[in-house]
Amino acid sequence: MKYVTGEIGYTMDRPSAVSLGKFDGLHRGHRKLLDEVQKQKKNGLASVIFTFTQNPTRVLSGLSAQNIITNEERRAMLEEEGIDCLVECPFVPEIAHMEPERFIEDVLVGQLKMKFAAVGTDFHFGYQRRGDHAMLQKLAPKYGYTVEVVEKEQSHGRDISSTYIREALHDGNVKLANELLG
């Protein structure tokens, strides 16, 4: 697996299927996204996970990072899953203030050569989180890619999320946390 970290100008050498997100726990919901990009290998696309070295939501709110797994653990797990490339982009002002369409044009299509995107229903990106899955879908014909919006995985009547896993761990319910992580 190609591992890119600390760079904002990395360019793929071939077309790719990209999933974007925090991937701060690699839970069962994240695995649905991984499956979607992995399916695109049959179409000749490289499977790419794009994330940040730090959780942008926590950086912007001034909270300390509370990832369930470390970046090193995430890297090892994605490599084990057969992902072709993990891009951990630094969350720097140039990226934080980038308008959503410019992010699509410059980063996703320009640098990553994205032909397919898999994102969750609550995915947001770009300056002030103004971009979402609907914007990705709307701009797909203009930039030549397709989008798969993946519904949330549920357990016990709740969406599986890193927050849910953190709550389970905080409550001492390791069994539930393990179930959510898969």
Protein backbone atom coordinates (compact mmCIF):
# COMPACT_ATOMS: atom_id res chain seq x y z
CA MET A 1 0.00 0.00 0.00
CA LYS A 2 1.21 3.48 -0.88
CA TYR A 3 1.16 5.70 2.22
CA VAL A 4 1.19 9.47 1.79
CA THR A 5 1.29 11.72 4.83
CA GLY A 6 2.25 15.31 5.45
CA GLU A 7 1.77 16.32 1.80
CA ILE A 8 -0.96 18.38 0.20
CA GLY A 9 0.26 18.09 -3.39
CA TYR A 10 0.40 14.30 -3.89
CA THR A 11 -0.80 13.12 -7.31
CA MET A 12 -1.97 9.59 -8.19
CA ASP A 13 -0.43 7.91 -11.20
CA ARG A 14 -3.71 6.30 -12.31
CA PRO A 15 -7.49 6.77 -11.98
CA SER A 16 -8.91 6.00 -8.57
CA ALA A 17 -11.93 5.14 -6.46
CA VAL A 18 -11.86 7.34 -3.37
CA SER A 19 -13.57 7.30 -0.02
CA LEU A 20 -13.20 10.34 2.18
CA GLY A 21 -13.75 10.72 5.88
CA LYS A 22 -12.22 10.76 9.32
CA PHE A 23 -11.74 6.99 9.55
CA ASP A 24 -10.88 7.46 13.22
CA GLY A 25 -12.10 4.05 14.29
CA LEU A 26 -12.51 1.84 11.20
CA HIS A 27 -15.84 0.56 12.45
CA ARG A 28 -18.45 -1.48 10.55
CA GLY A 29 -19.81 1.65 8.84
CA HIS A 30 -16.36 2.53 7.54
CA ARG A 31 -15.97 -1.00 6.20
CA LYS A 32 -19.01 -0.47 3.96
CA LEU A 33 -17.17 2.47 2.37
CA LEU A 34 -14.00 0.38 1.99
CA ASP A 35 -16.02 -2.35 0.26
CA GLU A 36 -17.37 0.16 -2.27
CA VAL A 37 -13.94 1.44 -3.29
CA GLN A 38 -12.52 -2.09 -3.36
CA LYS A 39 -15.29 -3.16 -5.78
CA GLN A 40 -14.00 -0.58 -8.24
CA LYS A 41 -10.69 -2.42 -8.63
CA LYS A 42 -12.46 -4.62 -11.18
CA ASN A 43 -12.85 -1.44 -13.27
CA GLY A 44 -9.12 -0.76 -13.11
CA LEU A 45 -9.34 1.92 -10.42
CA ALA A 46 -6.91 2.19 -7.53
CA SER A 47 -8.60 2.12 -4.12
CA VAL A 48 -7.81 5.30 -2.17
CA ILE A 49 -8.72 6.44 1.32
CA PHE A 50 -8.41 10.19 1.83
CA THR A 51 -8.35 11.46 5.38
CA PHE A 52 -6.52 13.99 7.49
CA THR A 53 -3.59 13.62 9.85
CA GLN A 54 -5.83 15.25 12.49
CA ASN A 55 -9.61 15.23 12.87
CA PRO A 56 -10.68 18.58 11.30
CA THR A 57 -13.83 18.87 13.42
CA ARG A 58 -11.81 18.57 16.60
CA VAL A 59 -9.09 20.93 15.35
CA LEU A 60 -11.60 23.64 14.45
CA SER A 61 -13.45 23.29 17.76
CA GLY A 62 -10.26 23.27 19.82
CA LEU A 63 -10.89 19.77 21.18
CA SER A 64 -8.06 17.32 21.65
CA ALA A 65 -7.89 14.37 19.28
CA GLN A 66 -9.68 11.33 20.71
CA ASN A 67 -9.36 8.83 17.91
CA ILE A 68 -10.24 5.26 18.73
CA ILE A 69 -7.19 4.03 16.85
CA THR A 70 -3.91 5.74 16.09
CA ASN A 71 -2.95 6.82 12.58
CA GLU A 72 -0.40 3.98 12.58
CA GLU A 73 -3.08 1.43 13.49
CA ARG A 74 -5.38 2.85 10.80
CA ARG A 75 -2.59 2.52 8.25
CA ALA A 76 -1.90 -1.10 9.20
CA MET A 77 -5.60 -2.01 9.11
CA LEU A 78 -6.15 -0.41 5.70
CA GLU A 79 -3.10 -2.17 4.33
CA GLU A 80 -4.49 -5.46 5.64
CA GLU A 81 -7.80 -4.65 3.89
CA GLY A 82 -5.94 -4.34 0.57
CA ILE A 83 -6.37 -0.59 0.06
CA ASP A 84 -3.95 0.66 -2.62
CA CYS A 85 -3.28 4.13 -1.21
CA LEU A 86 -3.88 5.98 2.05
CA VAL A 87 -3.58 9.76 1.86
CA GLU A 88 -3.35 11.50 5.24
CA CYS A 89 -3.49 15.15 4.31
CA PRO A 90 -2.40 17.77 6.84
CA PHE A 91 -5.29 20.00 7.90
CA VAL A 92 -3.58 23.28 7.06
CA PRO A 93 -5.20 26.68 6.35
CA GLU A 94 -4.83 26.17 2.58
CA ILE A 95 -7.04 23.08 2.85
CA ALA A 96 -9.31 24.35 5.65
CA HIS A 97 -10.30 27.42 3.61
CA MET A 98 -10.67 25.67 0.25
CA GLU A 99 -14.11 26.03 -1.30
CA PRO A 100 -15.84 22.67 -1.86
CA GLU A 101 -15.88 22.81 -5.67
CA ARG A 102 -12.23 23.78 -5.77
CA PHE A 103 -11.47 20.80 -3.49
CA ILE A 104 -13.28 18.53 -5.95
CA GLU A 105 -11.51 20.01 -8.97
CA ASP A 106 -8.00 20.41 -7.56
CA VAL A 107 -7.64 17.60 -5.02
CA LEU A 108 -10.12 14.85 -5.85
CA VAL A 109 -10.10 15.04 -9.64
CA GLY A 110 -6.81 16.86 -10.26
CA GLN A 111 -4.52 15.12 -7.79
CA LEU A 112 -6.26 11.84 -6.98
CA LYS A 113 -7.66 11.30 -10.50
CA MET A 114 -10.95 10.29 -8.89
CA LYS A 115 -13.42 8.47 -11.15
CA PHE A 116 -15.56 7.07 -8.31
CA ALA A 117 -16.37 8.35 -4.81
CA ALA A 118 -17.94 6.49 -1.89
CA VAL A 119 -19.15 8.69 0.96
CA GLY A 120 -21.56 8.47 3.84
CA THR A 121 -24.87 10.29 4.07
CA ASP A 122 -23.47 12.74 6.63
CA PHE A 123 -20.25 13.49 4.75
CA HIS A 124 -19.22 17.17 4.56
CA PHE A 125 -16.12 18.81 3.14
CA GLY A 126 -14.61 22.10 2.09
CA TYR A 127 -14.66 25.50 3.71
CA GLN A 128 -17.17 25.63 6.56
CA ARG A 129 -18.25 22.08 5.63
CA ARG A 130 -20.38 23.51 2.80
CA GLY A 131 -19.81 20.55 0.51
CA ASP A 132 -21.79 17.33 0.90
CA HIS A 133 -22.77 14.19 -0.97
CA ALA A 134 -25.43 16.11 -2.92
CA MET A 135 -22.79 18.53 -4.22
CA LEU A 136 -20.53 15.64 -5.17
CA GLN A 137 -23.40 14.09 -7.12
CA LYS A 138 -24.41 17.36 -8.78
CA LEU A 139 -20.86 18.04 -10.01
CA ALA A 140 -20.13 14.44 -11.08
CA PRO A 141 -21.05 14.94 -14.77
CA LYS A 142 -18.93 18.11 -14.98
CA TYR A 143 -15.82 16.42 -13.58
CA GLY A 144 -16.32 12.88 -14.91
CA TYR A 145 -16.80 10.68 -11.86
CA THR A 146 -19.61 8.71 -10.22
CA VAL A 147 -20.73 8.76 -6.58
CA GLU A 148 -22.07 6.06 -4.29
CA VAL A 149 -23.74 7.43 -1.14
CA VAL A 150 -23.57 4.71 1.49
CA GLU A 151 -26.28 4.52 4.14
CA LYS A 152 -25.25 4.33 7.77
CA GLU A 153 -24.77 0.91 9.32
CA GLN A 154 -26.97 0.49 12.40
CA SER A 155 -26.76 -1.45 15.64
CA HIS A 156 -29.25 -1.46 18.52
CA GLY A 157 -31.34 1.21 16.78
CA ARG A 158 -28.47 3.69 16.43
CA ASP A 159 -26.13 4.69 13.65
CA ILE A 160 -22.71 3.15 14.14
CA SER A 161 -20.25 5.97 14.63
CA SER A 162 -17.02 6.72 16.42
CA THR A 163 -19.05 8.72 18.95
CA TYR A 164 -21.20 5.66 19.71
CA ILE A 165 -18.04 3.56 20.17
CA ARG A 166 -16.47 6.18 22.46
CA GLU A 167 -19.67 6.21 24.55
CA ALA A 168 -19.57 2.42 24.86
CA LEU A 169 -15.92 2.55 25.93
CA HIS A 170 -16.61 5.37 28.39
CA ASP A 171 -19.41 3.24 29.91
CA GLY A 172 -17.07 0.25 30.16
CA ASN A 173 -19.05 -1.71 27.56
CA VAL A 174 -16.11 -3.23 25.69
CA LYS A 175 -18.32 -5.97 24.27
CA LEU A 176 -20.54 -3.40 22.52
CA ALA A 177 -17.51 -1.41 21.32
CA ASN A 178 -16.01 -4.55 19.80
CA GLU A 179 -19.32 -5.39 18.13
CA LEU A 180 -19.51 -1.90 16.59
CA LEU A 181 -15.91 -2.09 15.42
CA GLY A 182 -16.55 -5.46 13.84
